[in-house]
Amino acid sequence: MTPINNLQIAVKNNTGIYYFQTLVPIHILFVESGKLEQDEWFKNWQDNSLNEYKYNIANLNKYADIKEIVDKLQINNVFCIAERYVNNMNVLYLSVKLEQNVIFVMEMLIDQPLRNVKLSTKTAAASLVSPFQNAIEEILKS
């Protein structure tokens, strides 16, 4: 099966037609309409048919406060549905949609010095979890 982030290109000139393909970063497929309502987020999170995937991100080293992280995510179409502060951890509840209505819901725990992240993700698109997690890490570290 061809991944959703596979870009296929054909170039035609006077010497012939050339075909090639490449995988583009999946975050360029995050859509602006990806913010879920709280009840819709919760319904997806509670859906037992979706597996939960864990991922750790270390050494952020660049954020002064949690608002900077939320803003950075939002400009990349990763939307904060709610946030809390529990047990010395910032907890963000996030959503992302891709084209073709592929939905990711996340719980992001960020330690108090804002250096380490524990990301829990739920989606029906299991084949996209790894590139998705890598994209979130790239966004946070860029």
Foldseek 3Di string as FASTA:
>chain_A
DDDPQKDWDWDQDPVGIDIDIDGDQQLVQWDLPWDDAPVVLVVQVPPPVWDKDKDKAFFLPPDPDVVVVQVLCVVSNWHFNDWDQDPQWIWTWTWTAGPVGWIKIWIWTAHNVRGMIMIMIITPPVVCVVSVVVSSNVSSND
